N, C-alpha and C. Protein backbone atom coordinates (compact mmCIF):
# COMPACT_ATOMS: atom_id res chain seq x y z
N MET A 1 -32.63 76.93 -47.57
CA MET A 1 -32.20 75.62 -48.05
C MET A 1 -31.12 75.82 -49.11
N SER A 2 -29.95 75.28 -48.86
CA SER A 2 -28.82 75.46 -49.74
C SER A 2 -28.67 74.27 -50.69
N LYS A 3 -28.64 74.57 -51.96
CA LYS A 3 -28.44 73.52 -52.96
C LYS A 3 -27.01 73.56 -53.45
N GLU A 4 -26.40 72.39 -53.59
CA GLU A 4 -25.06 72.34 -54.17
C GLU A 4 -25.17 72.60 -55.66
N PRO A 5 -24.21 73.35 -56.21
CA PRO A 5 -24.27 73.59 -57.66
C PRO A 5 -24.09 72.29 -58.43
N LYS A 6 -24.81 72.17 -59.53
CA LYS A 6 -24.68 70.99 -60.37
C LYS A 6 -23.31 70.98 -61.03
N GLU A 7 -22.69 69.83 -61.03
CA GLU A 7 -21.38 69.71 -61.68
C GLU A 7 -21.57 69.64 -63.19
N GLU A 8 -20.66 70.27 -63.91
CA GLU A 8 -20.71 70.25 -65.37
C GLU A 8 -20.57 68.81 -65.87
N ILE A 9 -21.36 68.45 -66.84
CA ILE A 9 -21.31 67.12 -67.44
C ILE A 9 -20.50 67.20 -68.73
N VAL A 10 -19.57 66.29 -68.89
CA VAL A 10 -18.74 66.25 -70.08
C VAL A 10 -18.91 64.91 -70.77
N GLU A 11 -18.54 64.87 -72.03
CA GLU A 11 -18.66 63.65 -72.82
C GLU A 11 -17.33 62.91 -72.83
N LEU A 12 -17.40 61.59 -72.74
CA LEU A 12 -16.23 60.73 -72.80
C LEU A 12 -16.43 59.77 -73.97
N LYS A 13 -15.57 59.85 -74.95
CA LYS A 13 -15.69 58.96 -76.11
C LYS A 13 -14.63 57.88 -76.01
N LEU A 14 -15.04 56.66 -76.28
CA LEU A 14 -14.14 55.51 -76.21
C LEU A 14 -14.21 54.74 -77.51
N ARG A 15 -13.10 54.16 -77.88
CA ARG A 15 -13.08 53.25 -79.01
C ARG A 15 -12.79 51.87 -78.43
N ILE A 16 -13.78 51.01 -78.46
CA ILE A 16 -13.65 49.67 -77.91
C ILE A 16 -14.15 48.66 -78.93
N PRO A 17 -13.74 47.40 -78.78
CA PRO A 17 -14.24 46.39 -79.71
C PRO A 17 -15.77 46.28 -79.65
N ARG A 18 -16.37 46.14 -80.81
CA ARG A 18 -17.83 46.04 -80.91
C ARG A 18 -18.36 44.90 -80.04
N SER A 19 -17.64 43.77 -80.03
CA SER A 19 -18.11 42.61 -79.26
C SER A 19 -18.15 42.92 -77.76
N LEU A 20 -17.18 43.68 -77.28
CA LEU A 20 -17.14 44.06 -75.86
C LEU A 20 -18.34 44.94 -75.53
N ARG A 21 -18.62 45.94 -76.38
CA ARG A 21 -19.77 46.81 -76.16
C ARG A 21 -21.08 46.03 -76.23
N SER A 22 -21.18 45.15 -77.19
CA SER A 22 -22.42 44.37 -77.35
C SER A 22 -22.69 43.50 -76.13
N GLU A 23 -21.66 42.84 -75.64
CA GLU A 23 -21.84 41.98 -74.48
C GLU A 23 -22.17 42.80 -73.23
N PHE A 24 -21.47 43.91 -73.06
CA PHE A 24 -21.73 44.80 -71.92
C PHE A 24 -23.16 45.33 -71.98
N LYS A 25 -23.58 45.78 -73.16
CA LYS A 25 -24.93 46.31 -73.35
C LYS A 25 -25.98 45.25 -73.05
N SER A 26 -25.73 44.04 -73.51
CA SER A 26 -26.66 42.93 -73.30
C SER A 26 -26.81 42.60 -71.81
N ILE A 27 -25.70 42.54 -71.12
CA ILE A 27 -25.73 42.22 -69.69
C ILE A 27 -26.41 43.34 -68.90
N CYS A 28 -26.10 44.58 -69.24
CA CYS A 28 -26.75 45.70 -68.56
C CYS A 28 -28.26 45.64 -68.78
N ALA A 29 -28.68 45.38 -70.01
CA ALA A 29 -30.11 45.31 -70.30
C ALA A 29 -30.77 44.18 -69.53
N ALA A 30 -30.11 43.03 -69.45
CA ALA A 30 -30.67 41.89 -68.73
C ALA A 30 -30.83 42.19 -67.24
N ARG A 31 -29.97 43.07 -66.72
CA ARG A 31 -30.03 43.44 -65.31
C ARG A 31 -30.83 44.73 -65.09
N ASP A 32 -31.45 45.23 -66.17
CA ASP A 32 -32.21 46.47 -66.14
C ASP A 32 -31.37 47.64 -65.61
N GLU A 33 -30.13 47.71 -66.10
CA GLU A 33 -29.19 48.77 -65.71
C GLU A 33 -28.84 49.61 -66.93
N ASN A 34 -28.51 50.86 -66.68
CA ASN A 34 -28.09 51.78 -67.72
C ASN A 34 -26.57 51.66 -67.86
N MET A 35 -26.07 51.52 -69.09
CA MET A 35 -24.63 51.36 -69.30
C MET A 35 -23.84 52.52 -68.69
N LYS A 36 -24.33 53.74 -68.88
CA LYS A 36 -23.63 54.90 -68.35
C LYS A 36 -23.53 54.83 -66.82
N ASP A 37 -24.63 54.48 -66.17
CA ASP A 37 -24.63 54.41 -64.71
C ASP A 37 -23.66 53.35 -64.20
N VAL A 38 -23.60 52.22 -64.88
CA VAL A 38 -22.67 51.15 -64.49
C VAL A 38 -21.22 51.61 -64.65
N LEU A 39 -20.92 52.25 -65.78
CA LEU A 39 -19.55 52.73 -66.01
C LEU A 39 -19.15 53.80 -65.01
N VAL A 40 -20.05 54.73 -64.71
CA VAL A 40 -19.75 55.78 -63.74
C VAL A 40 -19.50 55.17 -62.36
N ALA A 41 -20.28 54.17 -61.97
CA ALA A 41 -20.08 53.51 -60.68
C ALA A 41 -18.72 52.82 -60.63
N TYR A 42 -18.33 52.15 -61.72
CA TYR A 42 -17.02 51.51 -61.77
C TYR A 42 -15.90 52.55 -61.70
N MET A 43 -16.07 53.67 -62.38
CA MET A 43 -15.06 54.73 -62.34
C MET A 43 -14.89 55.28 -60.93
N ARG A 44 -16.02 55.50 -60.25
CA ARG A 44 -15.94 56.01 -58.87
C ARG A 44 -15.24 55.00 -57.95
N LYS A 45 -15.57 53.73 -58.11
CA LYS A 45 -14.93 52.68 -57.30
C LYS A 45 -13.43 52.63 -57.58
N TYR A 46 -13.05 52.72 -58.83
CA TYR A 46 -11.63 52.70 -59.23
C TYR A 46 -10.88 53.87 -58.60
N ILE A 47 -11.49 55.06 -58.64
CA ILE A 47 -10.87 56.24 -58.05
C ILE A 47 -10.67 56.05 -56.56
N GLU A 48 -11.70 55.57 -55.87
CA GLU A 48 -11.59 55.37 -54.42
C GLU A 48 -10.52 54.35 -54.07
N GLN A 49 -10.42 53.27 -54.83
CA GLN A 49 -9.39 52.25 -54.57
C GLN A 49 -8.00 52.84 -54.73
N HIS A 50 -7.81 53.65 -55.75
CA HIS A 50 -6.48 54.18 -56.01
C HIS A 50 -6.15 55.36 -55.11
N LYS A 51 -7.14 56.08 -54.65
CA LYS A 51 -6.89 57.12 -53.65
C LYS A 51 -6.38 56.47 -52.37
N ALA A 52 -6.99 55.34 -52.00
CA ALA A 52 -6.59 54.63 -50.79
C ALA A 52 -5.15 54.13 -50.93
N GLU A 53 -4.81 53.58 -52.08
CA GLU A 53 -3.44 53.10 -52.31
C GLU A 53 -2.43 54.24 -52.25
N LYS A 54 -2.80 55.38 -52.79
CA LYS A 54 -1.91 56.53 -52.86
C LYS A 54 -1.62 57.07 -51.45
N SER A 55 -2.60 56.99 -50.56
CA SER A 55 -2.44 57.53 -49.21
C SER A 55 -1.69 56.58 -48.28
N GLU A 56 -1.44 55.36 -48.71
CA GLU A 56 -0.73 54.39 -47.85
C GLU A 56 0.76 54.62 -47.86
């Protein structure tokens, strides 16, 4: 059984308005979602959209 090697995890620091973070955190909590997981999903979607545009 072959396991793929785990990808290295790095830290991403952002400076954003407190109100934006608070609202995002509140909405994620209301939806029982983790902020990190939501952001990573959006980043993956953004990458896929722009890869598609680049290949056109």
